[in-house]
N, C-alpha and C. Protein backbone atom coordinates (compact mmCIF):
# COMPACT_ATOMS: atom_id res chain seq x y z
N MET A 1 151.16 -32.75 -53.39
CA MET A 1 150.54 -31.76 -54.25
C MET A 1 150.18 -30.50 -53.48
N LEU A 2 149.83 -30.64 -52.20
CA LEU A 2 149.42 -29.48 -51.42
C LEU A 2 150.53 -28.44 -51.33
N ALA A 3 151.78 -28.88 -51.24
CA ALA A 3 152.89 -27.93 -51.17
C ALA A 3 152.95 -27.05 -52.42
N GLU A 4 152.57 -27.60 -53.55
CA GLU A 4 152.63 -26.83 -54.79
C GLU A 4 151.51 -25.79 -54.88
N VAL A 5 150.50 -25.92 -54.04
CA VAL A 5 149.43 -24.93 -54.03
C VAL A 5 149.99 -23.56 -53.70
N TYR A 6 151.02 -23.53 -52.85
CA TYR A 6 151.63 -22.24 -52.50
C TYR A 6 152.27 -21.58 -53.72
N TYR A 7 152.90 -22.37 -54.58
CA TYR A 7 153.43 -21.81 -55.82
C TYR A 7 152.30 -21.25 -56.68
N TYR A 8 151.21 -21.98 -56.69
CA TYR A 8 150.04 -21.54 -57.45
C TYR A 8 149.51 -20.21 -56.89
N LEU A 9 149.38 -20.14 -55.58
CA LEU A 9 148.87 -18.92 -54.94
C LEU A 9 149.79 -17.73 -55.16
N ASP A 10 151.07 -17.97 -55.14
CA ASP A 10 152.05 -16.89 -55.28
C ASP A 10 152.38 -16.58 -56.74
N LEU A 11 151.67 -17.25 -57.65
CA LEU A 11 151.87 -17.06 -59.09
C LEU A 11 153.31 -17.36 -59.51
N GLU A 12 153.91 -18.37 -58.88
CA GLU A 12 155.29 -18.74 -59.18
C GLU A 12 155.37 -19.99 -60.06
N ALA A 13 154.24 -20.61 -60.35
CA ALA A 13 154.25 -21.81 -61.18
C ALA A 13 154.10 -21.43 -62.65
N THR A 14 154.61 -22.30 -63.51
CA THR A 14 154.42 -22.08 -64.95
C THR A 14 152.93 -22.24 -65.28
N GLU A 15 152.54 -21.77 -66.44
CA GLU A 15 151.13 -21.86 -66.83
C GLU A 15 150.67 -23.32 -66.91
N ASP A 16 151.53 -24.20 -67.44
CA ASP A 16 151.18 -25.62 -67.50
C ASP A 16 150.98 -26.20 -66.10
N ARG A 17 151.88 -25.84 -65.20
CA ARG A 17 151.78 -26.34 -63.83
C ARG A 17 150.56 -25.78 -63.14
N ARG A 18 150.25 -24.49 -63.40
CA ARG A 18 149.06 -23.87 -62.83
C ARG A 18 147.81 -24.61 -63.29
N ASP A 19 147.76 -24.99 -64.57
CA ASP A 19 146.62 -25.75 -65.09
C ASP A 19 146.48 -27.08 -64.38
N LEU A 20 147.60 -27.76 -64.18
CA LEU A 20 147.59 -29.05 -63.49
C LEU A 20 147.11 -28.88 -62.04
N ILE A 21 147.62 -27.87 -61.36
CA ILE A 21 147.22 -27.63 -59.97
C ILE A 21 145.74 -27.24 -59.91
N ARG A 22 145.30 -26.39 -60.82
CA ARG A 22 143.90 -25.99 -60.86
C ARG A 22 143.00 -27.21 -61.05
N HIS A 23 143.39 -28.12 -61.95
CA HIS A 23 142.62 -29.35 -62.18
C HIS A 23 142.60 -30.19 -60.91
N HIS A 24 143.75 -30.32 -60.24
CA HIS A 24 143.81 -31.09 -59.00
C HIS A 24 142.88 -30.48 -57.95
N LEU A 25 142.89 -29.17 -57.83
CA LEU A 25 142.04 -28.51 -56.85
C LEU A 25 140.55 -28.74 -57.14
N ASP A 26 140.23 -28.84 -58.40
CA ASP A 26 138.84 -29.12 -58.76
C ASP A 26 138.41 -30.51 -58.31
N GLU A 27 139.36 -31.44 -58.21
CA GLU A 27 139.06 -32.83 -57.88
C GLU A 27 139.30 -33.19 -56.42
N CYS A 28 140.10 -32.39 -55.71
CA CYS A 28 140.55 -32.77 -54.36
C CYS A 28 139.99 -31.79 -53.33
N SER A 29 138.97 -32.21 -52.61
CA SER A 29 138.33 -31.30 -51.67
C SER A 29 139.22 -30.89 -50.49
N PRO A 30 140.09 -31.76 -49.92
CA PRO A 30 140.98 -31.28 -48.85
C PRO A 30 141.92 -30.17 -49.33
N CYS A 31 142.46 -30.32 -50.51
CA CYS A 31 143.34 -29.28 -51.06
C CYS A 31 142.53 -28.03 -51.39
N LEU A 32 141.35 -28.22 -51.89
CA LEU A 32 140.51 -27.08 -52.22
C LEU A 32 140.18 -26.27 -50.97
N ARG A 33 139.86 -26.97 -49.89
CA ARG A 33 139.60 -26.26 -48.63
C ARG A 33 140.83 -25.48 -48.19
N GLU A 34 141.99 -26.14 -48.23
CA GLU A 34 143.24 -25.47 -47.84
C GLU A 34 143.51 -24.29 -48.74
N TYR A 35 143.33 -24.46 -50.02
CA TYR A 35 143.55 -23.39 -50.99
C TYR A 35 142.61 -22.22 -50.71
N GLY A 36 141.36 -22.52 -50.46
CA GLY A 36 140.39 -21.46 -50.19
C GLY A 36 140.75 -20.65 -48.97
N ILE A 37 141.17 -21.32 -47.92
CA ILE A 37 141.55 -20.63 -46.69
C ILE A 37 142.78 -19.78 -46.94
N GLU A 38 143.78 -20.34 -47.58
CA GLU A 38 145.01 -19.60 -47.85
C GLU A 38 144.74 -18.38 -48.72
N GLN A 39 143.92 -18.56 -49.72
CA GLN A 39 143.60 -17.45 -50.62
C GLN A 39 142.89 -16.33 -49.86
N GLU A 40 141.99 -16.69 -48.97
CA GLU A 40 141.28 -15.69 -48.19
C GLU A 40 142.21 -14.95 -47.24
N VAL A 41 143.13 -15.68 -46.60
CA VAL A 41 144.09 -15.05 -45.69
C VAL A 41 144.97 -14.06 -46.46
N LYS A 42 145.46 -14.46 -47.62
CA LYS A 42 146.29 -13.56 -48.42
C LYS A 42 145.51 -12.33 -48.84
N ALA A 43 144.26 -12.50 -49.23
CA ALA A 43 143.44 -11.35 -49.63
C ALA A 43 143.21 -10.42 -48.45
N LEU A 44 142.96 -10.99 -47.27
CA LEU A 44 142.75 -10.18 -46.07
C LEU A 44 144.00 -9.38 -45.71
N VAL A 45 145.15 -10.03 -45.73
CA VAL A 45 146.40 -9.35 -45.42
C VAL A 45 146.66 -8.24 -46.43
N ALA A 46 146.43 -8.50 -47.69
CA ALA A 46 146.64 -7.48 -48.72
C ALA A 46 145.72 -6.29 -48.51
N ARG A 47 144.47 -6.55 -48.15
CA ARG A 47 143.51 -5.47 -47.92
C ARG A 47 143.88 -4.65 -46.69
N CYS A 48 144.26 -5.33 -45.62
CA CYS A 48 144.50 -4.66 -44.35
C CYS A 48 145.90 -4.06 -44.23
N CYS A 49 146.87 -4.68 -44.83
CA CYS A 49 148.26 -4.28 -44.60
C CYS A 49 149.01 -3.95 -45.88
N GLY A 50 148.37 -3.98 -46.99
CA GLY A 50 149.05 -3.82 -48.27
C GLY A 50 149.75 -2.49 -48.45
N LYS A 51 149.26 -1.45 -47.83
CA LYS A 51 149.84 -0.12 -48.05
C LYS A 51 150.69 0.36 -46.88
N GLU A 52 150.78 -0.44 -45.84
CA GLU A 52 151.56 -0.04 -44.68
C GLU A 52 153.04 -0.35 -44.90
N THR A 53 153.88 0.49 -44.35
CA THR A 53 155.32 0.24 -44.38
C THR A 53 155.86 0.38 -42.97
N ALA A 54 156.91 -0.33 -42.71
CA ALA A 54 157.54 -0.27 -41.39
C ALA A 54 158.26 1.07 -41.23
N PRO A 55 158.29 1.60 -40.00
CA PRO A 55 159.03 2.84 -39.76
C PRO A 55 160.51 2.65 -40.04
N THR A 56 161.17 3.70 -40.48
CA THR A 56 162.59 3.66 -40.82
C THR A 56 163.42 3.15 -39.65
N GLU A 57 163.09 3.60 -38.44
CA GLU A 57 163.86 3.18 -37.25
C GLU A 57 163.76 1.67 -37.03
N LEU A 58 162.58 1.11 -37.25
CA LEU A 58 162.40 -0.33 -37.09
C LEU A 58 163.22 -1.08 -38.13
N LYS A 59 163.18 -0.62 -39.37
CA LYS A 59 163.97 -1.27 -40.42
C LYS A 59 165.45 -1.26 -40.08
N GLN A 60 165.94 -0.12 -39.58
CA GLN A 60 167.35 -0.02 -39.22
C GLN A 60 167.70 -0.96 -38.08
N ARG A 61 166.86 -1.01 -37.05
CA ARG A 61 167.11 -1.92 -35.92
C ARG A 61 167.13 -3.37 -36.38
N LEU A 62 166.22 -3.73 -37.29
CA LEU A 62 166.19 -5.10 -37.80
C LEU A 62 167.45 -5.43 -38.60
N ARG A 63 167.90 -4.47 -39.42
CA ARG A 63 169.13 -4.70 -40.19
C ARG A 63 170.33 -4.92 -39.27
N VAL A 64 170.42 -4.10 -38.22
CA VAL A 64 171.53 -4.23 -37.27
C VAL A 64 171.47 -5.58 -36.57
N ARG A 65 170.29 -5.94 -36.11
CA ARG A 65 170.16 -7.21 -35.39
C ARG A 65 170.45 -8.41 -36.29
N LEU A 66 169.97 -8.36 -37.54
CA LEU A 66 170.26 -9.44 -38.48
C LEU A 66 171.76 -9.55 -38.75
N ALA A 67 172.43 -8.43 -38.90
CA ALA A 67 173.88 -8.45 -39.10
C ALA A 67 174.57 -9.07 -37.89
N GLU A 68 174.11 -8.74 -36.68
CA GLU A 68 174.68 -9.31 -35.46
C GLU A 68 174.50 -10.82 -35.44
N LEU A 69 173.31 -11.28 -35.80
CA LEU A 69 173.03 -12.72 -35.80
C LEU A 69 173.88 -13.46 -36.83
N VAL A 70 174.05 -12.86 -38.00
CA VAL A 70 174.90 -13.47 -39.02
C VAL A 70 176.34 -13.55 -38.51
N PHE A 71 176.82 -12.47 -37.91
CA PHE A 71 178.18 -12.46 -37.38
C PHE A 71 178.35 -13.53 -36.30
N GLU A 72 177.37 -13.64 -35.40
CA GLU A 72 177.44 -14.65 -34.34
C GLU A 72 177.45 -16.06 -34.93
N ALA A 73 176.63 -16.28 -35.93
CA ALA A 73 176.57 -17.61 -36.55
C ALA A 73 177.88 -17.94 -37.25
N GLU A 74 178.45 -16.96 -37.96
CA GLU A 74 179.71 -17.19 -38.66
C GLU A 74 180.84 -17.40 -37.66
N THR A 75 180.85 -16.65 -36.58
CA THR A 75 181.88 -16.78 -35.55
C THR A 75 181.79 -18.14 -34.89
N HIS A 76 180.59 -18.58 -34.59
CA HIS A 76 180.38 -19.86 -33.95
C HIS A 76 180.86 -21.03 -34.82
N GLU A 77 180.76 -20.90 -36.13
CA GLU A 77 181.21 -21.95 -37.04
C GLU A 77 182.70 -22.21 -36.92
N TYR A 78 183.47 -21.17 -36.59
CA TYR A 78 184.93 -21.31 -36.57
C TYR A 78 185.51 -21.55 -35.18
N LEU A 79 184.69 -21.55 -34.16
CA LEU A 79 185.18 -21.80 -32.81
C LEU A 79 185.36 -23.31 -32.59
N PRO A 80 186.48 -23.69 -32.00
CA PRO A 80 186.67 -25.13 -31.71
C PRO A 80 185.73 -25.56 -30.60
N GLU A 81 185.30 -26.78 -30.68
CA GLU A 81 184.37 -27.31 -29.65
C GLU A 81 185.10 -28.04 -28.58
C-alpha cells in the first residue's frame, strides 16, 4: 500500500483509489508518517525551486549527453560478445 501513496501524492490515482488510500492513511501510522514526510518534502521543493529553470546551456549539454548514452547503449546491444 505504501507504494500507492506516491500516486496519491502526485494526484495520479482515481478518486475512488484516493479515497481508499486516504482511509488507509487514517488507519496506518507507519504509512501516515511516510506520507507526512513525503508531502512536506514536496511542499519544500515546490516553495524553494518551483520557479527556477535550468540554464539553456545546461539543458543542451544534458540533451547531448543523453543522446550519447542512448547511442552507446544501442550500439552495445548489437556488438557480439
